[in-house]
Amino acid sequence: MTQYSDKVEEVRLKQDADEWGKSIRYLHFNNGIEETQYNNGDQHFHDVILGKKWTVYAQEPKNLIDKYLRWKASNGK
C-alpha cells in the first residue's frame, strides 16, 4: 500500500491549502465599508451604513499550494 503514499500526501496537502485559503488574511474598514480579505484571494465587502453585502471571488489560484507552503515555512509550522 505504500505505492500510493505520494498521492495521499498530495491530496492531504491540497486539502490543507484549501482550508488555509478560507482563513482571514485581514480586515479593513473605510468609510463605513468593511472589507475582509481571505488567503485564497476572495474579498467580502459589507456596507455597514446601507447593509449591502457583496463578494469578489478570486480566480482559481493555481499557486495556492505554493503560497500555503511559503506561509507554513515562514511561520515555523
PDB file of N, CA and C in Angstrom:
ATOM      1  N   MET A   1       0.812  -1.208   0.000  1.00  0.00           N
ATOM      2  CA  MET A   1       0.000   0.000   0.000  1.00  0.00           C
ATOM      3  C   MET A   1       0.851   1.265   0.000  1.00  0.00           C
ATOM      4  N   THR A   2       2.138   1.137   0.155  1.00  0.00           N
ATOM      5  CA  THR A   2       2.974   2.334   0.187  1.00  0.00           C
ATOM      6  C   THR A   2       3.167   2.948  -1.194  1.00  0.00           C
ATOM      7  N   GLN A   3       2.716   2.262  -2.229  1.00  0.00           N
ATOM      8  CA  GLN A   3       2.879   2.795  -3.574  1.00  0.00           C
ATOM      9  C   GLN A   3       2.009   4.031  -3.804  1.00  0.00           C
ATOM     10  N   TYR A   4       0.994   4.230  -2.971  1.00  0.00           N
ATOM     11  CA  TYR A   4       0.096   5.370  -3.141  1.00  0.00           C
ATOM     12  C   TYR A   4       0.339   6.464  -2.110  1.00  0.00           C
ATOM     13  N   SER A   5       1.371   6.335  -1.312  1.00  0.00           N
ATOM     14  CA  SER A   5       1.602   7.313  -0.249  1.00  0.00           C
ATOM     15  C   SER A   5       1.867   8.707  -0.809  1.00  0.00           C
ATOM     16  N   ASP A   6       2.519   8.817  -1.969  1.00  0.00           N
ATOM     17  CA  ASP A   6       2.758  10.137  -2.557  1.00  0.00           C
ATOM     18  C   ASP A   6       1.451  10.776  -3.023  1.00  0.00           C
ATOM     19  N   LYS A   7       0.532   9.993  -3.541  1.00  0.00           N
ATOM     20  CA  LYS A   7      -0.776  10.510  -3.954  1.00  0.00           C
ATOM     21  C   LYS A   7      -1.591  10.961  -2.749  1.00  0.00           C
ATOM     22  N   VAL A   8      -1.540  10.174  -1.680  1.00  0.00           N
ATOM     23  CA  VAL A   8      -2.263  10.518  -0.458  1.00  0.00           C
ATOM     24  C   VAL A   8      -1.715  11.827   0.108  1.00  0.00           C
ATOM     25  N   GLU A   9      -0.399  11.968   0.139  1.00  0.00           N
ATOM     26  CA  GLU A   9       0.224  13.188   0.661  1.00  0.00           C
ATOM     27  C   GLU A   9      -0.123  14.387  -0.216  1.00  0.00           C
ATOM     28  N   GLU A  10      -0.194  14.191  -1.520  1.00  0.00           N
ATOM     29  CA  GLU A  10      -0.570  15.279  -2.440  1.00  0.00           C
ATOM     30  C   GLU A  10      -1.996  15.758  -2.167  1.00  0.00           C
ATOM     31  N   VAL A  11      -2.919  14.831  -1.971  1.00  0.00           N
ATOM     32  CA  VAL A  11      -4.309  15.190  -1.672  1.00  0.00           C
ATOM     33  C   VAL A  11      -4.406  15.862  -0.303  1.00  0.00           C
ATOM     34  N   ARG A  12      -3.671  15.355   0.678  1.00  0.00           N
ATOM     35  CA  ARG A  12      -3.669  15.954   2.015  1.00  0.00           C
ATOM     36  C   ARG A  12      -3.147  17.388   1.963  1.00  0.00           C
ATOM     37  N   LEU A  13      -2.094  17.626   1.195  1.00  0.00           N
ATOM     38  CA  LEU A  13      -1.532  18.967   1.051  1.00  0.00           C
ATOM     39  C   LEU A  13      -2.531  19.908   0.391  1.00  0.00           C
ATOM     40  N   LYS A  14      -3.236  19.437  -0.644  1.00  0.00           N
ATOM     41  CA  LYS A  14      -4.238  20.265  -1.313  1.00  0.00           C
ATOM     42  C   LYS A  14      -5.383  20.603  -0.359  1.00  0.00           C
ATOM     43  N   GLN A  15      -5.822  19.641   0.446  1.00  0.00           N
ATOM     44  CA  GLN A  15      -6.892  19.895   1.407  1.00  0.00           C
ATOM     45  C   GLN A  15      -6.449  20.899   2.471  1.00  0.00           C
ATOM     46  N   ASP A  16      -5.220  20.776   2.945  1.00  0.00           N
ATOM     47  CA  ASP A  16      -4.696  21.733   3.923  1.00  0.00           C
ATOM     48  C   ASP A  16      -4.612  23.133   3.326  1.00  0.00           C
ATOM     49  N   ALA A  17      -4.168  23.224   2.071  1.00  0.00           N
ATOM     50  CA  ALA A  17      -4.059  24.522   1.408  1.00  0.00           C
ATOM     51  C   ALA A  17      -5.441  25.134   1.196  1.00  0.00           C
ATOM     52  N   ASP A  18      -6.436  24.335   0.844  1.00  0.00           N
ATOM     53  CA  ASP A  18      -7.797  24.847   0.672  1.00  0.00           C
ATOM     54  C   ASP A  18      -8.367  25.357   1.991  1.00  0.00           C
ATOM     55  N   GLU A  19      -8.117  24.631   3.062  1.00  0.00           N
ATOM     56  CA  GLU A  19      -8.591  25.064   4.380  1.00  0.00           C
ATOM     57  C   GLU A  19      -7.898  26.359   4.798  1.00  0.00           C
ATOM     58  N   TRP A  20      -6.594  26.449   4.573  1.00  0.00           N
ATOM     59  CA  TRP A  20      -5.838  27.661   4.889  1.00  0.00           C
ATOM     60  C   TRP A  20      -6.338  28.838   4.055  1.00  0.00           C
ATOM     61  N   GLY A  21      -6.680  28.588   2.798  1.00  0.00           N
ATOM     62  CA  GLY A  21      -7.166  29.641   1.911  1.00  0.00           C
ATOM     63  C   GLY A  21      -8.468  30.257   2.370  1.00  0.00           C
ATOM     64  N   LYS A  22      -9.252  29.545   3.152  1.00  0.00           N
ATOM     65  CA  LYS A  22     -10.527  30.058   3.646  1.00  0.00           C
ATOM     66  C   LYS A  22     -10.379  30.897   4.910  1.00  0.00           C
ATOM     67  N   SER A  23      -9.175  30.962   5.467  1.00  0.00           N
ATOM     68  CA  SER A  23      -8.976  31.762   6.683  1.00  0.00           C
ATOM     69  C   SER A  23      -8.727  33.225   6.311  1.00  0.00           C
ATOM     70  N   ILE A  24      -9.018  34.105   7.253  1.00  0.00           N
ATOM     71  CA  ILE A  24      -8.960  35.552   7.009  1.00  0.00           C
ATOM     72  C   ILE A  24      -7.522  36.033   6.988  1.00  0.00           C
ATOM     73  N   ARG A  25      -7.211  36.803   5.956  1.00  0.00           N
ATOM     74  CA  ARG A  25      -5.892  37.424   5.843  1.00  0.00           C
ATOM     75  C   ARG A  25      -5.880  38.756   6.576  1.00  0.00           C
ATOM     76  N   TYR A  26      -6.887  39.595   6.311  1.00  0.00           N
ATOM     77  CA  TYR A  26      -7.002  40.859   7.028  1.00  0.00           C
ATOM     78  C   TYR A  26      -8.410  41.406   6.933  1.00  0.00           C
ATOM     79  N   LEU A  27      -8.732  42.333   7.854  1.00  0.00           N
ATOM     80  CA  LEU A  27      -9.971  43.103   7.855  1.00  0.00           C
ATOM     81  C   LEU A  27      -9.603  44.570   7.678  1.00  0.00           C
ATOM     82  N   HIS A  28     -10.404  45.286   6.897  1.00  0.00           N
ATOM     83  CA  HIS A  28     -10.131  46.699   6.674  1.00  0.00           C
ATOM     84  C   HIS A  28     -11.458  47.450   6.671  1.00  0.00           C
ATOM     85  N   PHE A  29     -11.508  48.557   7.412  1.00  0.00           N
ATOM     86  CA  PHE A  29     -12.696  49.397   7.464  1.00  0.00           C
ATOM     87  C   PHE A  29     -12.359  50.747   6.853  1.00  0.00           C
ATOM     88  N   ASN A  30     -13.235  51.227   5.949  1.00  0.00           N
ATOM     89  CA  ASN A  30     -13.016  52.524   5.330  1.00  0.00           C
ATOM     90  C   ASN A  30     -14.362  53.096   4.896  1.00  0.00           C
ATOM     91  N   ASN A  31     -14.715  54.277   5.412  1.00  0.00           N
ATOM     92  CA  ASN A  31     -15.949  54.976   5.043  1.00  0.00           C
ATOM     93  C   ASN A  31     -17.190  54.100   5.199  1.00  0.00           C
ATOM     94  N   GLY A  32     -17.259  53.341   6.264  1.00  0.00           N
ATOM     95  CA  GLY A  32     -18.427  52.522   6.543  1.00  0.00           C
ATOM     96  C   GLY A  32     -18.471  51.213   5.780  1.00  0.00           C
ATOM     97  N   ILE A  33     -17.400  50.864   5.078  1.00  0.00           N
ATOM     98  CA  ILE A  33     -17.353  49.607   4.325  1.00  0.00           C
ATOM     99  C   ILE A  33     -16.317  48.697   4.969  1.00  0.00           C
ATOM    100  N   GLU A  34     -16.760  47.520   5.322  1.00  0.00           N
ATOM    101  CA  GLU A  34     -15.883  46.507   5.901  1.00  0.00           C
ATOM    102  C   GLU A  34     -15.407  45.586   4.788  1.00  0.00           C
ATOM    103  N   GLU A  35     -14.099  45.448   4.639  1.00  0.00           N
ATOM    104  CA  GLU A  35     -13.528  44.555   3.640  1.00  0.00           C
ATOM    105  C   GLU A  35     -12.819  43.424   4.358  1.00  0.00           C
ATOM    106  N   THR A  36     -13.142  42.202   3.982  1.00  0.00           N
ATOM    107  CA  THR A  36     -12.484  41.025   4.535  1.00  0.00           C
ATOM    108  C   THR A  36     -11.756  40.324   3.403  1.00  0.00           C
ATOM    109  N   GLN A  37     -10.443  40.212   3.520  1.00  0.00           N
ATOM    110  CA  GLN A  37      -9.623  39.544   2.508  1.00  0.00           C
ATOM    111  C   GLN A  37      -9.231  38.182   3.046  1.00  0.00           C
ATOM    112  N   TYR A  38      -9.391  37.150   2.229  1.00  0.00           N
ATOM    113  CA  TYR A  38      -9.043  35.792   2.615  1.00  0.00           C
ATOM    114  C   TYR A  38      -7.737  35.382   1.949  1.00  0.00           C
ATOM    115  N   ASN A  39      -7.088  34.360   2.480  1.00  0.00           N
ATOM    116  CA  ASN A  39      -5.794  33.918   1.962  1.00  0.00           C
ATOM    117  C   ASN A  39      -5.871  33.421   0.520  1.00  0.00           C
ATOM    118  N   ASN A  40      -7.024  32.964   0.082  1.00  0.00           N
ATOM    119  CA  ASN A  40      -7.149  32.475  -1.294  1.00  0.00           C
ATOM    120  C   ASN A  40      -7.435  33.601  -2.291  1.00  0.00           C
ATOM    121  N   GLY A  41      -7.570  34.838  -1.808  1.00  0.00           N
ATOM    122  CA  GLY A  41      -7.773  35.988  -2.687  1.00  0.00           C
ATOM    123  C   GLY A  41      -9.199  36.492  -2.740  1.00  0.00           C
ATOM    124  N   ASP A  42     -10.156  35.764  -2.178  1.00  0.00           N
ATOM    125  CA  ASP A  42     -11.544  36.227  -2.158  1.00  0.00           C
ATOM    126  C   ASP A  42     -11.663  37.468  -1.273  1.00  0.00           C
ATOM    127  N   GLN A  43     -12.550  38.378  -1.666  1.00  0.00           N
ATOM    128  CA  GLN A  43     -12.811  39.581  -0.889  1.00  0.00           C
ATOM    129  C   GLN A  43     -14.301  39.677  -0.625  1.00  0.00           C
ATOM    130  N   HIS A  44     -14.666  39.887   0.637  1.00  0.00           N
ATOM    131  CA  HIS A  44     -16.051  40.072   1.031  1.00  0.00           C
ATOM    132  C   HIS A  44     -16.193  41.501   1.539  1.00  0.00           C
ATOM    133  N   PHE A  45     -17.217  42.195   1.055  1.00  0.00           N
ATOM    134  CA  PHE A  45     -17.469  43.579   1.441  1.00  0.00           C
ATOM    135  C   PHE A  45     -18.816  43.668   2.136  1.00  0.00           C
ATOM    136  N   HIS A  46     -18.905  44.583   3.112  1.00  0.00           N
ATOM    137  CA  HIS A  46     -20.156  44.832   3.799  1.00  0.00           C
ATOM    138  C   HIS A  46     -20.264  46.332   4.040  1.00  0.00           C
ATOM    139  N   ASP A  47     -21.262  46.957   3.411  1.00  0.00           N
ATOM    140  CA  ASP A  47     -21.535  48.367   3.649  1.00  0.00           C
ATOM    141  C   ASP A  47     -22.366  48.453   4.922  1.00  0.00           C
ATOM    142  N   VAL A  48     -21.737  48.887   5.996  1.00  0.00           N
ATOM    143  CA  VAL A  48     -22.383  48.904   7.306  1.00  0.00           C
ATOM    144  C   VAL A  48     -23.544  49.894   7.326  1.00  0.00           C
ATOM    145  N   ILE A  49     -23.431  50.987   6.604  1.00  0.00           N
ATOM    146  CA  ILE A  49     -24.460  52.031   6.602  1.00  0.00           C
ATOM    147  C   ILE A  49     -25.712  51.558   5.872  1.00  0.00           C
ATOM    148  N   LEU A  50     -25.547  51.005   4.684  1.00  0.00           N
ATOM    149  CA  LEU A  50     -26.691  50.575   3.869  1.00  0.00           C
ATOM    150  C   LEU A  50     -27.085  49.121   4.114  1.00  0.00           C
ATOM    151  N   GLY A  51     -26.199  48.341   4.717  1.00  0.00           N
ATOM    152  CA  GLY A  51     -26.487  46.936   4.965  1.00  0.00           C
ATOM    153  C   GLY A  51     -26.269  46.047   3.757  1.00  0.00           C
ATOM    154  N   LYS A  52     -25.656  46.574   2.710  1.00  0.00           N
ATOM    155  CA  LYS A  52     -25.429  45.814   1.478  1.00  0.00           C
ATOM    156  C   LYS A  52     -24.155  44.971   1.616  1.00  0.00           C
ATOM    157  N   LYS A  53     -24.208  43.738   1.102  1.00  0.00           N
ATOM    158  CA  LYS A  53     -23.054  42.841   1.132  1.00  0.00           C
ATOM    159  C   LYS A  53     -22.778  42.343  -0.289  1.00  0.00           C
ATOM    160  N   TRP A  54     -21.500  42.201  -0.615  1.00  0.00           N
ATOM    161  CA  TRP A  54     -21.126  41.630  -1.904  1.00  0.00           C
ATOM    162  C   TRP A  54     -19.764  40.967  -1.786  1.00  0.00           C
ATOM    163  N   THR A  55     -19.484  40.100  -2.738  1.00  0.00           N
ATOM    164  CA  THR A  55     -18.252  39.313  -2.724  1.00  0.00           C
ATOM    165  C   THR A  55     -17.578  39.396  -4.079  1.00  0.00           C
ATOM    166  N   VAL A  56     -16.265  39.526  -4.052  1.00  0.00           N
ATOM    167  CA  VAL A  56     -15.451  39.459  -5.263  1.00  0.00           C
ATOM    168  C   VAL A  56     -14.591  38.207  -5.114  1.00  0.00           C
ATOM    169  N   TYR A  57     -14.858  37.229  -5.974  1.00  0.00           N
ATOM    170  CA  TYR A  57     -14.137  35.965  -5.904  1.00  0.00           C
ATOM    171  C   TYR A  57     -12.885  36.034  -6.756  1.00  0.00           C
ATOM    172  N   ALA A  58     -11.801  35.512  -6.230  1.00  0.00           N
ATOM    173  CA  ALA A  58     -10.564  35.411  -6.993  1.00  0.00           C
ATOM    174  C   ALA A  58     -10.705  34.269  -7.983  1.00  0.00           C
ATOM    175  N   GLN A  59      -9.981  34.368  -9.056  1.00  0.00           N
ATOM    176  CA  GLN A  59      -9.967  33.240  -9.974  1.00  0.00           C
ATOM    177  C   GLN A  59      -9.277  32.083  -9.267  1.00  0.00           C
ATOM    178  N   GLU A  60      -9.547  30.889  -9.721  1.00  0.00           N
ATOM    179  CA  GLU A  60      -8.974  29.709  -9.078  1.00  0.00           C
ATOM    180  C   GLU A  60      -7.451  29.864  -9.010  1.00  0.00           C
ATOM    181  N   PRO A  61      -6.926  30.005  -7.804  1.00  0.00           N
ATOM    182  CA  PRO A  61      -5.477  30.216  -7.685  1.00  0.00           C
ATOM    183  C   PRO A  61      -4.702  28.948  -8.010  1.00  0.00           C
ATOM    184  N   LYS A  62      -3.819  29.050  -8.958  1.00  0.00           N
ATOM    185  CA  LYS A  62      -3.021  27.893  -9.347  1.00  0.00           C
ATOM    186  C   LYS A  62      -1.854  27.699  -8.394  1.00  0.00           C
ATOM    187  N   ASN A  63      -1.506  28.744  -7.678  1.00  0.00           N
ATOM    188  CA  ASN A  63      -0.351  28.662  -6.798  1.00  0.00           C
ATOM    189  C   ASN A  63      -0.756  28.716  -5.325  1.00  0.00           C
ATOM    190  N   LEU A  64      -1.969  28.325  -4.993  1.00  0.00           N
ATOM    191  CA  LEU A  64      -2.415  28.342  -3.603  1.00  0.00           C
ATOM    192  C   LEU A  64      -1.567  27.407  -2.751  1.00  0.00           C
ATOM    193  N   ILE A  65      -1.201  26.262  -3.282  1.00  0.00           N
ATOM    194  CA  ILE A  65      -0.365  25.326  -2.535  1.00  0.00           C
ATOM    195  C   ILE A  65       1.011  25.939  -2.292  1.00  0.00           C
ATOM    196  N   ASP A  66       1.564  26.645  -3.294  1.00  0.00           N
ATOM    197  CA  ASP A  66       2.856  27.306  -3.106  1.00  0.00           C
ATOM    198  C   ASP A  66       2.768  28.387  -2.031  1.00  0.00           C
ATOM    199  N   LYS A  67       1.687  29.175  -2.058  1.00  0.00           N
ATOM    200  CA  LYS A  67       1.500  30.208  -1.042  1.00  0.00           C
ATOM    201  C   LYS A  67       1.385  29.583   0.341  1.00  0.00           C
ATOM    202  N   TYR A  68       0.644  28.488   0.424  1.00  0.00           N
ATOM    203  CA  TYR A  68       0.472  27.790   1.694  1.00  0.00           C
ATOM    204  C   TYR A  68       1.807  27.263   2.213  1.00  0.00           C
ATOM    205  N   LEU A  69       2.609  26.662   1.348  1.00  0.00           N
ATOM    206  CA  LEU A  69       3.902  26.126   1.777  1.00  0.00           C
ATOM    207  C   LEU A  69       4.846  27.231   2.220  1.00  0.00           C
ATOM    208  N   ARG A  70       4.836  28.387   1.524  1.00  0.00           N
ATOM    209  CA  ARG A  70       5.670  29.522   1.933  1.00  0.00           C
ATOM    210  C   ARG A  70       5.223  30.037   3.291  1.00  0.00           C
ATOM    211  N   TRP A  71       3.893  30.164   3.492  1.00  0.00           N
ATOM    212  CA  TRP A  71       3.364  30.622   4.778  1.00  0.00           C
ATOM    213  C   TRP A  71       3.758  29.648   5.892  1.00  0.00           C
ATOM    214  N   LYS A  72       3.624  28.363   5.591  1.00  0.00           N
ATOM    215  CA  LYS A  72       3.939  27.336   6.575  1.00  0.00           C
ATOM    216  C   LYS A  72       5.422  27.378   6.953  1.00  0.00           C
ATOM    217  N   ALA A  73       6.281  27.585   5.975  1.00  0.00           N
ATOM    218  CA  ALA A  73       7.727  27.645   6.235  1.00  0.00           C
ATOM    219  C   ALA A  73       8.104  28.905   7.014  1.00  0.00           C
ATOM    220  N   SER A  74       7.488  30.026   6.678  1.00  0.00           N
ATOM    221  CA  SER A  74       7.873  31.267   7.336  1.00  0.00           C
ATOM    222  C   SER A  74       7.306  31.371   8.749  1.00  0.00           C
ATOM    223  N   ASN A  75       6.257  30.627   9.065  1.00  0.00           N
ATOM    224  CA  ASN A  75       5.680  30.654  10.395  1.00  0.00           C
ATOM    225  C   ASN A  75       6.116  29.470  11.245  1.00  0.00           C
ATOM    226  N   GLY A  76       7.029  28.675  10.754  1.00  0.00           N
ATOM    227  CA  GLY A  76       7.567  27.577  11.534  1.00  0.00           C
ATOM    228  C   GLY A  76       6.571  26.481  11.840  1.00  0.00           C
ATOM    229  N   LYS A  77       5.619  26.268  10.969  1.00  0.00           N
ATOM    230  CA  LYS A  77       4.592  25.245  11.191  1.00  0.00           C
ATOM    231  C   LYS A  77       5.024  23.946  10.558  1.00  0.00           C
TER     232      LYS A  77
END
